[in-house]
Amino acid sequence: MNLALWIVTGLLATAYLFGGIGKLTVPKERIAAFGPSGRWVEDFGGGTVKTIGAFEVLGAAGLILPAVLGVAPVLVPLAATGLALIMAGAAVVRLRRHETKLMLVDLVYLALAVFVAWGRFGPESFTG
C-alpha cells in the first residue's frame, strides 16, 4: 500500500508541477489555443489562471517535500486534499462547459488525489 501511495503521489506531483508551471508561465491566450483541453481559461481572468497554477505547484511540493524531508509530514494528505478540491472545481467547470470527456480526466485526477489523502490520513500515515 505504501508503495502504491508513493507511486501515485509521484505521478500526481509531476503532473501538477508541470501543469502549474505551464499556467504560471504561458499566457492565457496560448493556453486557450492548445485546443479543447485549454479552452477552460476563457472563463477566467489571467490572474485566476496564474493563481490556480501557483496552487498546483505548491500542492505538488506539498505532496513530496514534507515526507521526504521529515518536516510536518501531515502536510502531505492536506496537500492531496487541496489538489482534490482543485480538481472538483475543474470538474464543475468542465460540466458547466459541457466538456464531459475532459471532465472524466479531471475526475481521475480527483480520485487519485483522494486516494493519496485517504492513504496518508489513514492506513499509511506518516505520523502513526
Protein backbone atom coordinates (compact mmCIF):
# COMPACT_ATOMS: atom_id res chain seq x y z
CA MET A 1 0.00 0.00 0.00
CA ASN A 2 2.81 2.39 0.88
CA LEU A 3 4.47 1.74 -2.48
CA ALA A 4 1.22 2.36 -4.36
CA LEU A 5 0.74 5.63 -2.46
CA TRP A 6 4.28 6.75 -3.31
CA ILE A 7 3.83 5.89 -6.99
CA VAL A 8 0.52 7.76 -7.25
CA THR A 9 1.95 10.66 -5.23
CA GLY A 10 4.96 10.91 -7.54
CA LEU A 11 2.81 10.84 -10.66
CA LEU A 12 0.44 13.47 -9.25
CA ALA A 13 3.30 15.69 -8.11
CA THR A 14 4.90 15.53 -11.55
CA ALA A 15 1.64 16.29 -13.36
CA TYR A 16 0.72 19.18 -11.06
CA LEU A 17 4.24 20.63 -11.08
CA PHE A 18 4.41 20.78 -14.88
CA GLY A 19 0.78 21.84 -15.25
CA GLY A 20 1.19 24.56 -12.65
CA ILE A 21 4.41 25.85 -14.18
CA GLY A 22 2.65 25.97 -17.54
CA LYS A 23 -0.19 28.03 -16.10
CA LEU A 24 2.30 30.36 -14.44
CA THR A 25 4.50 30.91 -17.48
CA VAL A 26 2.26 30.54 -20.55
CA PRO A 27 -0.11 33.41 -21.38
CA LYS A 28 -3.80 32.65 -21.05
CA GLU A 29 -4.34 33.13 -24.78
CA ARG A 30 -1.75 30.48 -25.66
CA ILE A 31 -3.30 28.03 -23.17
CA ALA A 32 -6.68 28.54 -24.87
CA ALA A 33 -5.03 27.92 -28.25
CA PHE A 34 -3.93 24.41 -27.16
CA GLY A 35 -7.35 23.19 -28.19
CA PRO A 36 -10.38 21.86 -26.33
CA SER A 37 -8.37 20.93 -23.23
CA GLY A 38 -7.22 24.52 -22.76
CA ARG A 39 -10.35 26.46 -23.57
CA TRP A 40 -11.47 26.47 -19.92
CA VAL A 41 -9.26 29.53 -19.41
CA GLU A 42 -11.79 31.56 -21.41
CA ASP A 43 -13.99 31.52 -18.28
CA PHE A 44 -11.28 33.06 -16.07
CA GLY A 45 -9.03 36.08 -15.90
CA GLY A 46 -5.29 35.80 -16.35
CA GLY A 47 -4.68 36.34 -12.65
CA THR A 48 -7.01 33.50 -11.73
CA VAL A 49 -5.24 31.14 -14.12
CA LYS A 50 -1.89 32.11 -12.57
CA THR A 51 -3.30 31.58 -9.07
CA ILE A 52 -4.51 28.10 -10.00
CA GLY A 53 -1.04 27.38 -11.37
CA ALA A 54 0.59 28.59 -8.15
CA PHE A 55 -1.71 26.37 -6.08
CA GLU A 56 -0.84 23.41 -8.27
CA VAL A 57 2.91 24.00 -7.86
CA LEU A 58 2.51 24.39 -4.10
CA GLY A 59 0.35 21.26 -4.00
CA ALA A 60 2.99 19.29 -5.91
CA ALA A 61 5.66 20.41 -3.46
CA GLY A 62 3.36 19.59 -0.55
CA LEU A 63 2.86 16.05 -1.82
CA ILE A 64 6.57 15.24 -1.75
CA LEU A 65 8.75 17.57 0.32
CA PRO A 66 7.22 17.16 3.80
CA ALA A 67 7.53 13.36 3.65
CA VAL A 68 11.00 13.32 2.10
CA LEU A 69 12.38 15.94 4.49
CA GLY A 70 10.51 14.58 7.51
CA VAL A 71 9.23 18.06 8.34
CA ALA A 72 5.49 18.32 9.08
CA PRO A 73 4.51 15.19 7.11
CA VAL A 74 0.85 15.87 7.92
CA LEU A 75 1.06 18.38 5.08
CA VAL A 76 1.10 15.52 2.53
CA PRO A 77 -2.55 14.50 2.97
CA LEU A 78 -3.51 18.15 3.36
CA ALA A 79 -1.86 18.94 0.01
CA ALA A 80 -3.64 15.98 -1.56
CA THR A 81 -6.93 17.25 -0.15
CA GLY A 82 -6.27 20.71 -1.57
CA LEU A 83 -5.50 19.27 -5.00
CA ALA A 84 -8.68 17.18 -4.80
CA LEU A 85 -10.62 20.38 -4.20
CA ILE A 86 -8.97 21.99 -7.22
CA MET A 87 -9.96 19.00 -9.34
CA ALA A 88 -13.52 19.05 -8.02
CA GLY A 89 -13.69 22.68 -9.15
CA ALA A 90 -12.20 21.72 -12.51
CA ALA A 91 -14.83 19.02 -12.97
CA VAL A 92 -17.59 21.53 -12.22
CA VAL A 93 -16.15 23.93 -14.81
CA ARG A 94 -15.98 21.13 -17.39
CA LEU A 95 -19.55 20.08 -16.60
CA ARG A 96 -20.78 23.66 -16.94
CA ARG A 97 -18.98 23.94 -20.29
CA HIS A 98 -20.45 20.57 -21.43
CA GLU A 99 -16.95 19.08 -21.80
CA THR A 100 -17.85 15.67 -20.40
CA LYS A 101 -14.96 13.73 -21.94
CA LEU A 102 -12.44 16.15 -20.45
CA MET A 103 -14.32 16.10 -17.15
CA LEU A 104 -13.57 12.38 -16.90
CA VAL A 105 -9.85 13.16 -16.86
CA ASP A 106 -10.43 15.66 -14.05
CA LEU A 107 -12.37 13.01 -12.13
CA VAL A 108 -9.46 10.56 -12.47
CA TYR A 109 -7.09 13.15 -11.00
CA LEU A 110 -9.66 13.81 -8.28
CA ALA A 111 -9.86 10.10 -7.43
CA LEU A 112 -6.07 9.77 -7.31
CA ALA A 113 -5.73 12.79 -5.02
CA VAL A 114 -8.47 11.42 -2.74
CA PHE A 115 -6.65 8.06 -2.67
CA VAL A 116 -3.44 9.77 -1.51
CA ALA A 117 -5.28 11.86 1.08
CA TRP A 118 -7.13 8.81 2.41
CA GLY A 119 -3.99 6.68 2.49
CA ARG A 120 -1.85 9.28 4.21
CA PHE A 121 -4.52 10.33 6.70
CA GLY A 122 -5.35 6.70 7.47
CA PRO A 123 -3.64 3.35 6.96
CA GLU A 124 -0.23 4.61 5.80
CA SER A 125 0.04 7.80 7.81
CA PHE A 126 3.50 9.25 8.28
CA THR A 127 2.61 10.29 11.82
CA GLY A 128 1.20 6.98 13.05
